[in-house]
PDB file of N, CA and C in Angstrom:
ATOM      1  N   MET A   1       1.796 -36.549 -56.838  1.00  0.00           N
ATOM      2  CA  MET A   1       3.018 -35.590 -57.004  1.00  0.00           C
ATOM      3  C   MET A   1       3.381 -36.105 -58.396  1.00  0.00           C
ATOM      4  N   LEU A   2       4.121 -34.969 -58.804  1.00  0.00           N
ATOM      5  CA  LEU A   2       4.900 -35.046 -60.247  1.00  0.00           C
ATOM      6  C   LEU A   2       6.104 -35.825 -60.160  1.00  0.00           C
ATOM      7  N   LEU A   3       6.359 -36.892 -61.224  1.00  0.00           N
ATOM      8  CA  LEU A   3       7.356 -37.766 -61.187  1.00  0.00           C
ATOM      9  C   LEU A   3       8.777 -36.662 -61.431  1.00  0.00           C
ATOM     10  N   SER A   4       9.977 -37.233 -60.569  1.00  0.00           N
ATOM     11  CA  SER A   4      10.894 -36.477 -60.382  1.00  0.00           C
ATOM     12  C   SER A   4      11.413 -36.377 -61.558  1.00  0.00           C
ATOM     13  N   GLU A   5      11.308 -37.320 -62.513  1.00  0.00           N
ATOM     14  CA  GLU A   5      11.959 -37.410 -64.119  1.00  0.00           C
ATOM     15  C   GLU A   5      11.321 -35.911 -64.657  1.00  0.00           C
ATOM     16  N   LYS A   6       9.896 -35.613 -64.353  1.00  0.00           N
ATOM     17  CA  LYS A   6       9.294 -34.575 -65.020  1.00  0.00           C
ATOM     18  C   LYS A   6       9.864 -33.110 -64.281  1.00  0.00           C
ATOM     19  N   MET A   7       9.940 -33.438 -63.108  1.00  0.00           N
ATOM     20  CA  MET A   7      10.545 -32.123 -62.335  1.00  0.00           C
ATOM     21  C   MET A   7      11.816 -31.798 -62.957  1.00  0.00           C
ATOM     22  N   ASN A   8      12.968 -32.921 -63.229  1.00  0.00           N
ATOM     23  CA  ASN A   8      14.364 -32.668 -63.621  1.00  0.00           C
ATOM     24  C   ASN A   8      14.117 -32.196 -65.159  1.00  0.00           C
ATOM     25  N   ARG A   9      13.122 -32.487 -66.089  1.00  0.00           N
ATOM     26  CA  ARG A   9      13.082 -31.815 -67.086  1.00  0.00           C
ATOM     27  C   ARG A   9      12.500 -30.510 -67.052  1.00  0.00           C
ATOM     28  N   ILE A  10      11.818 -30.004 -66.280  1.00  0.00           N
ATOM     29  CA  ILE A  10      11.252 -28.665 -66.358  1.00  0.00           C
ATOM     30  C   ILE A  10      12.556 -27.965 -65.646  1.00  0.00           C
ATOM     31  N   ASN A  11      13.350 -28.340 -64.890  1.00  0.00           N
ATOM     32  CA  ASN A  11      14.515 -27.490 -64.431  1.00  0.00           C
ATOM     33  C   ASN A  11      15.618 -27.556 -65.655  1.00  0.00           C
ATOM     34  N   GLU A  12      15.713 -28.610 -66.318  1.00  0.00           N
ATOM     35  CA  GLU A  12      16.594 -28.557 -67.404  1.00  0.00           C
ATOM     36  C   GLU A  12      16.230 -27.693 -68.772  1.00  0.00           C
ATOM     37  N   LEU A  13      14.947 -27.752 -68.768  1.00  0.00           N
ATOM     38  CA  LEU A  13      14.450 -26.496 -69.769  1.00  0.00           C
ATOM     39  C   LEU A  13      14.386 -25.211 -69.422  1.00  0.00           C
ATOM     40  N   SER A  14      14.239 -25.040 -67.993  1.00  0.00           N
ATOM     41  CA  SER A  14      14.325 -23.609 -67.720  1.00  0.00           C
ATOM     42  C   SER A  14      15.995 -23.065 -67.707  1.00  0.00           C
ATOM     43  N   LYS A  15      16.657 -23.980 -67.653  1.00  0.00           N
ATOM     44  CA  LYS A  15      18.307 -23.789 -67.577  1.00  0.00           C
ATOM     45  C   LYS A  15      18.455 -23.334 -68.769  1.00  0.00           C
ATOM     46  N   LYS A  16      18.002 -24.256 -69.612  1.00  0.00           N
ATOM     47  CA  LYS A  16      18.337 -24.187 -71.151  1.00  0.00           C
ATOM     48  C   LYS A  16      17.800 -22.783 -71.733  1.00  0.00           C
ATOM     49  N   SER A  17      16.632 -22.449 -71.095  1.00  0.00           N
ATOM     50  CA  SER A  17      15.962 -21.102 -71.520  1.00  0.00           C
ATOM     51  C   SER A  17      16.701 -20.013 -71.502  1.00  0.00           C
ATOM     52  N   LYS A  18      17.353 -19.786 -70.191  1.00  0.00           N
ATOM     53  CA  LYS A  18      18.157 -19.021 -69.908  1.00  0.00           C
ATOM     54  C   LYS A  18      19.561 -18.824 -70.360  1.00  0.00           C
ATOM     55  N   THR A  19      20.108 -19.887 -70.939  1.00  0.00           N
ATOM     56  CA  THR A  19      21.356 -19.797 -71.519  1.00  0.00           C
ATOM     57  C   THR A  19      21.264 -19.652 -72.840  1.00  0.00           C
ATOM     58  N   THR A  20      20.889 -20.852 -73.607  1.00  0.00           N
ATOM     59  CA  THR A  20      21.090 -20.692 -75.180  1.00  0.00           C
ATOM     60  C   THR A  20      19.663 -20.636 -75.833  1.00  0.00           C
ATOM     61  N   GLY A  21      18.566 -20.629 -75.027  1.00  0.00           N
ATOM     62  CA  GLY A  21      17.124 -20.610 -75.584  1.00  0.00           C
ATOM     63  C   GLY A  21      16.509 -21.976 -75.965  1.00  0.00           C
ATOM     64  N   LEU A  22      15.317 -21.685 -76.113  1.00  0.00           N
ATOM     65  CA  LEU A  22      14.692 -23.274 -76.662  1.00  0.00           C
ATOM     66  C   LEU A  22      14.340 -23.057 -77.932  1.00  0.00           C
ATOM     67  N   THR A  23      14.014 -24.441 -78.245  1.00  0.00           N
ATOM     68  CA  THR A  23      13.408 -24.468 -79.589  1.00  0.00           C
ATOM     69  C   THR A  23      11.810 -24.270 -79.595  1.00  0.00           C
ATOM     70  N   ILE A  24      11.024 -24.314 -80.527  1.00  0.00           N
ATOM     71  CA  ILE A  24       9.452 -24.123 -80.527  1.00  0.00           C
ATOM     72  C   ILE A  24       9.143 -25.584 -79.653  1.00  0.00           C
ATOM     73  N   GLU A  25       9.414 -26.673 -80.146  1.00  0.00           N
ATOM     74  CA  GLU A  25       9.138 -27.864 -79.447  1.00  0.00           C
ATOM     75  C   GLU A  25       9.476 -27.885 -77.961  1.00  0.00           C
ATOM     76  N   GLU A  26      10.496 -27.556 -77.501  1.00  0.00           N
ATOM     77  CA  GLU A  26      10.921 -27.363 -76.240  1.00  0.00           C
ATOM     78  C   GLU A  26      10.267 -26.450 -75.399  1.00  0.00           C
ATOM     79  N   ALA A  27       9.952 -25.225 -76.112  1.00  0.00           N
ATOM     80  CA  ALA A  27       9.055 -24.289 -75.339  1.00  0.00           C
ATOM     81  C   ALA A  27       7.616 -24.967 -75.122  1.00  0.00           C
ATOM     82  N   LYS A  28       7.082 -25.395 -76.215  1.00  0.00           N
ATOM     83  CA  LYS A  28       5.784 -26.188 -75.797  1.00  0.00           C
ATOM     84  C   LYS A  28       5.929 -27.245 -74.843  1.00  0.00           C
ATOM     85  N   GLU A  29       6.933 -27.959 -74.871  1.00  0.00           N
ATOM     86  CA  GLU A  29       7.172 -28.987 -73.835  1.00  0.00           C
ATOM     87  C   GLU A  29       6.929 -28.302 -72.638  1.00  0.00           C
ATOM     88  N   GLN A  30       7.876 -27.413 -72.390  1.00  0.00           N
ATOM     89  CA  GLN A  30       8.071 -26.612 -71.324  1.00  0.00           C
ATOM     90  C   GLN A  30       6.466 -26.132 -70.543  1.00  0.00           C
ATOM     91  N   THR A  31       5.842 -25.477 -71.443  1.00  0.00           N
ATOM     92  CA  THR A  31       4.463 -25.162 -71.212  1.00  0.00           C
ATOM     93  C   THR A  31       3.614 -26.311 -70.679  1.00  0.00           C
ATOM     94  N   LEU A  32       3.701 -27.273 -71.403  1.00  0.00           N
ATOM     95  CA  LEU A  32       2.721 -28.343 -70.855  1.00  0.00           C
ATOM     96  C   LEU A  32       3.225 -28.884 -69.537  1.00  0.00           C
ATOM     97  N   LEU A  33       4.613 -29.188 -69.539  1.00  0.00           N
ATOM     98  CA  LEU A  33       4.851 -29.404 -67.988  1.00  0.00           C
ATOM     99  C   LEU A  33       4.692 -28.633 -66.914  1.00  0.00           C
ATOM    100  N   ARG A  34       4.795 -27.271 -67.298  1.00  0.00           N
ATOM    101  CA  ARG A  34       4.537 -26.231 -66.250  1.00  0.00           C
ATOM    102  C   ARG A  34       3.132 -26.471 -65.940  1.00  0.00           C
ATOM    103  N   LYS A  35       2.140 -26.350 -67.158  1.00  0.00           N
ATOM    104  CA  LYS A  35       0.603 -26.672 -66.532  1.00  0.00           C
ATOM    105  C   LYS A  35       0.353 -27.817 -65.791  1.00  0.00           C
ATOM    106  N   GLU A  36       1.108 -28.990 -66.143  1.00  0.00           N
ATOM    107  CA  GLU A  36       0.971 -30.059 -65.262  1.00  0.00           C
ATOM    108  C   GLU A  36       1.357 -30.062 -63.679  1.00  0.00           C
ATOM    109  N   TYR A  37       2.681 -29.304 -63.607  1.00  0.00           N
ATOM    110  CA  TYR A  37       2.963 -29.194 -62.251  1.00  0.00           C
ATOM    111  C   TYR A  37       1.899 -28.196 -61.540  1.00  0.00           C
ATOM    112  N   LEU A  38       1.633 -27.160 -62.219  1.00  0.00           N
ATOM    113  CA  LEU A  38       0.494 -26.388 -61.435  1.00  0.00           C
ATOM    114  C   LEU A  38      -0.686 -27.085 -60.958  1.00  0.00           C
ATOM    115  N   GLU A  39      -1.302 -27.898 -61.929  1.00  0.00           N
ATOM    116  CA  GLU A  39      -2.496 -28.814 -61.702  1.00  0.00           C
ATOM    117  C   GLU A  39      -2.263 -29.678 -60.432  1.00  0.00           C
ATOM    118  N   THR A  40      -1.132 -30.133 -60.445  1.00  0.00           N
ATOM    119  CA  THR A  40      -0.730 -30.982 -59.275  1.00  0.00           C
ATOM    120  C   THR A  40      -0.799 -30.356 -57.889  1.00  0.00           C
ATOM    121  N   PHE A  41       0.169 -29.216 -57.922  1.00  0.00           N
ATOM    122  CA  PHE A  41       0.322 -28.512 -56.801  1.00  0.00           C
ATOM    123  C   PHE A  41      -0.932 -27.880 -56.204  1.00  0.00           C
ATOM    124  N   ARG A  42      -1.705 -27.425 -57.170  1.00  0.00           N
ATOM    125  CA  ARG A  42      -3.233 -26.598 -56.763  1.00  0.00           C
ATOM    126  C   ARG A  42      -4.116 -27.908 -56.174  1.00  0.00           C
ATOM    127  N   SER A  43      -4.126 -29.216 -56.803  1.00  0.00           N
ATOM    128  CA  SER A  43      -4.906 -30.141 -56.287  1.00  0.00           C
ATOM    129  C   SER A  43      -4.245 -30.690 -54.974  1.00  0.00           C
ATOM    130  N   SER A  44      -3.155 -30.734 -54.870  1.00  0.00           N
ATOM    131  CA  SER A  44      -2.424 -31.110 -53.557  1.00  0.00           C
ATOM    132  C   SER A  44      -2.843 -29.869 -52.392  1.00  0.00           C
ATOM    133  N   MET A  45      -2.636 -28.707 -52.712  1.00  0.00           N
ATOM    134  CA  MET A  45      -2.905 -27.741 -51.792  1.00  0.00           C
ATOM    135  C   MET A  45      -4.463 -27.503 -51.387  1.00  0.00           C
ATOM    136  N   ARG A  46      -5.175 -27.808 -52.193  1.00  0.00           N
ATOM    137  CA  ARG A  46      -6.749 -27.871 -52.050  1.00  0.00           C
ATOM    138  C   ARG A  46      -7.122 -28.929 -51.134  1.00  0.00           C
ATOM    139  N   GLY A  47      -6.493 -29.991 -51.587  1.00  0.00           N
ATOM    140  CA  GLY A  47      -6.603 -31.232 -50.569  1.00  0.00           C
ATOM    141  C   GLY A  47      -6.156 -30.929 -48.822  1.00  0.00           C
ATOM    142  N   THR A  48      -4.819 -30.283 -49.069  1.00  0.00           N
ATOM    143  CA  THR A  48      -4.520 -30.034 -47.392  1.00  0.00           C
ATOM    144  C   THR A  48      -5.437 -28.938 -47.022  1.00  0.00           C
ATOM    145  N   ILE A  49      -5.953 -27.929 -47.528  1.00  0.00           N
ATOM    146  CA  ILE A  49      -6.685 -26.697 -47.084  1.00  0.00           C
ATOM    147  C   ILE A  49      -8.169 -27.467 -46.698  1.00  0.00           C
ATOM    148  N   GLU A  50      -8.683 -28.313 -47.293  1.00  0.00           N
ATOM    149  CA  GLU A  50      -9.805 -28.994 -46.993  1.00  0.00           C
ATOM    150  C   GLU A  50      -9.786 -29.837 -45.791  1.00  0.00           C
ATOM    151  N   GLN A  51      -8.515 -30.098 -45.502  1.00  0.00           N
ATOM    152  CA  GLN A  51      -8.489 -31.067 -44.194  1.00  0.00           C
ATOM    153  C   GLN A  51      -8.226 -30.311 -42.963  1.00  0.00           C
ATOM    154  N   VAL A  52      -7.962 -28.929 -43.117  1.00  0.00           N
ATOM    155  CA  VAL A  52      -7.649 -27.965 -41.973  1.00  0.00           C
ATOM    156  C   VAL A  52      -8.768 -27.647 -41.211  1.00  0.00           C
ATOM    157  N   LYS A  53      -8.684 -27.909 -39.906  1.00  0.00           N
ATOM    158  CA  LYS A  53      -9.683 -27.179 -38.875  1.00  0.00           C
ATOM    159  C   LYS A  53      -8.957 -26.330 -38.108  1.00  0.00           C
ATOM    160  N   ILE A  54      -9.490 -24.911 -37.955  1.00  0.00           N
ATOM    161  CA  ILE A  54      -8.882 -23.809 -37.204  1.00  0.00           C
ATOM    162  C   ILE A  54      -9.769 -23.644 -35.978  1.00  0.00           C
ATOM    163  N   ILE A  55      -8.830 -23.783 -34.819  1.00  0.00           N
ATOM    164  CA  ILE A  55      -9.384 -23.421 -33.581  1.00  0.00           C
ATOM    165  C   ILE A  55      -8.874 -22.232 -32.822  1.00  0.00           C
ATOM    166  N   ASP A  56      -9.650 -21.381 -32.322  1.00  0.00           N
ATOM    167  CA  ASP A  56      -9.228 -19.901 -31.903  1.00  0.00           C
ATOM    168  C   ASP A  56      -8.843 -20.412 -30.389  1.00  0.00           C
ATOM    169  N   PRO A  57      -8.206 -19.515 -29.582  1.00  0.00           N
ATOM    170  CA  PRO A  57      -7.595 -19.661 -28.360  1.00  0.00           C
ATOM    171  C   PRO A  57      -8.594 -20.108 -27.515  1.00  0.00           C
ATOM    172  N   ASP A  58      -9.817 -19.960 -27.584  1.00  0.00           N
ATOM    173  CA  ASP A  58     -10.939 -20.254 -26.505  1.00  0.00           C
ATOM    174  C   ASP A  58     -11.533 -21.788 -26.911  1.00  0.00           C
ATOM    175  N   GLY A  59     -10.917 -22.276 -27.994  1.00  0.00           N
ATOM    176  CA  GLY A  59     -11.326 -23.790 -28.085  1.00  0.00           C
ATOM    177  C   GLY A  59     -12.491 -23.926 -29.074  1.00  0.00           C
ATOM    178  N   ASN A  60     -12.846 -22.780 -29.834  1.00  0.00           N
ATOM    179  CA  ASN A  60     -14.003 -22.696 -30.752  1.00  0.00           C
ATOM    180  C   ASN A  60     -13.525 -23.091 -32.223  1.00  0.00           C
ATOM    181  N   ASP A  61     -14.264 -23.908 -33.050  1.00  0.00           N
ATOM    182  CA  ASP A  61     -14.141 -23.920 -34.321  1.00  0.00           C
ATOM    183  C   ASP A  61     -14.452 -22.770 -35.036  1.00  0.00           C
ATOM    184  N   VAL A  62     -13.309 -22.211 -35.633  1.00  0.00           N
ATOM    185  CA  VAL A  62     -13.583 -20.781 -36.580  1.00  0.00           C
ATOM    186  C   VAL A  62     -12.885 -21.148 -38.012  1.00  0.00           C
ATOM    187  N   THR A  63     -13.094 -22.358 -38.510  1.00  0.00           N
ATOM    188  CA  THR A  63     -12.897 -22.778 -39.730  1.00  0.00           C
ATOM    189  C   THR A  63     -13.680 -22.099 -40.708  1.00  0.00           C
ATOM    190  N   PRO A  64     -13.226 -21.467 -41.835  1.00  0.00           N
ATOM    191  CA  PRO A  64     -14.298 -20.639 -42.858  1.00  0.00           C
ATOM    192  C   PRO A  64     -15.227 -21.484 -43.224  1.00  0.00           C
ATOM    193  N   GLU A  65     -16.417 -20.999 -43.508  1.00  0.00           N
ATOM    194  CA  GLU A  65     -17.672 -21.883 -43.999  1.00  0.00           C
ATOM    195  C   GLU A  65     -17.080 -22.553 -45.249  1.00  0.00           C
ATOM    196  N   LYS A  66     -16.477 -21.700 -46.195  1.00  0.00           N
ATOM    197  CA  LYS A  66     -16.293 -22.152 -47.673  1.00  0.00           C
ATOM    198  C   LYS A  66     -15.405 -23.372 -47.478  1.00  0.00           C
ATOM    199  N   VAL A  67     -14.525 -23.676 -46.435  1.00  0.00           N
ATOM    200  CA  VAL A  67     -13.685 -24.952 -46.278  1.00  0.00           C
ATOM    201  C   VAL A  67     -14.538 -26.004 -45.758  1.00  0.00           C
ATOM    202  N   LYS A  68     -15.322 -25.695 -44.847  1.00  0.00           N
ATOM    203  CA  LYS A  68     -16.446 -26.773 -44.352  1.00  0.00           C
ATOM    204  C   LYS A  68     -17.161 -27.422 -45.516  1.00  0.00           C
ATOM    205  N   GLN A  69     -17.648 -26.441 -46.373  1.00  0.00           N
ATOM    206  CA  GLN A  69     -18.641 -26.721 -47.433  1.00  0.00           C
ATOM    207  C   GLN A  69     -17.683 -27.729 -48.459  1.00  0.00           C
ATOM    208  N   ALA A  70     -16.780 -27.419 -48.802  1.00  0.00           N
ATOM    209  CA  ALA A  70     -15.762 -27.958 -49.592  1.00  0.00           C
ATOM    210  C   ALA A  70     -15.388 -29.386 -49.120  1.00  0.00           C
ATOM    211  N   ARG A  71     -15.172 -29.521 -47.759  1.00  0.00           N
ATOM    212  CA  ARG A  71     -14.919 -30.778 -47.164  1.00  0.00           C
ATOM    213  C   ARG A  71     -16.169 -31.790 -47.243  1.00  0.00           C
ATOM    214  N   ASN A  72     -17.508 -31.181 -46.641  1.00  0.00           N
ATOM    215  CA  ASN A  72     -18.543 -31.775 -46.512  1.00  0.00           C
ATOM    216  C   ASN A  72     -18.801 -32.253 -48.194  1.00  0.00           C
ATOM    217  N   SER A  73     -18.940 -31.369 -49.207  1.00  0.00           N
ATOM    218  CA  SER A  73     -19.442 -31.860 -50.443  1.00  0.00           C
ATOM    219  C   SER A  73     -18.421 -32.941 -51.041  1.00  0.00           C
ATOM    220  N   LYS A  74     -17.199 -32.850 -50.820  1.00  0.00           N
ATOM    221  CA  LYS A  74     -16.103 -34.024 -50.999  1.00  0.00           C
ATOM    222  C   LYS A  74     -16.450 -35.287 -50.506  1.00  0.00           C
ATOM    223  N   TYR A  75     -16.974 -35.393 -49.239  1.00  0.00           N
ATOM    224  CA  TYR A  75     -17.239 -36.663 -48.851  1.00  0.00           C
ATOM    225  C   TYR A  75     -18.772 -37.021 -48.993  1.00  0.00           C
ATOM    226  N   LEU A  76     -19.507 -36.466 -49.345  1.00  0.00           N
ATOM    227  CA  LEU A  76     -20.931 -36.670 -49.681  1.00  0.00           C
ATOM    228  C   LEU A  76     -21.410 -37.245 -51.024  1.00  0.00           C
ATOM    229  N   ASN A  77     -20.260 -36.615 -51.998  1.00  0.00           N
ATOM    230  CA  ASN A  77     -20.297 -37.312 -53.232  1.00  0.00           C
ATOM    231  C   ASN A  77     -19.824 -38.702 -53.534  1.00  0.00           C
TER     232      ASN A  77
END
């Protein structure tokens, strides 16, 4: 998870960009922080999805093959 300090900075830069605008350095910082946020979010979401097991009303495992393969390859390496 992204540090709360970084999340606060993302929010500060966002508010500033809407009011007074950002300097070139601040815009670069904002871009880097957003990229880091998205990488962290995607990694977390991927981990969550890989742990999901879907069961239909009849009790059959209907987890998509792609999810099963991702889970298996993660634990076999």
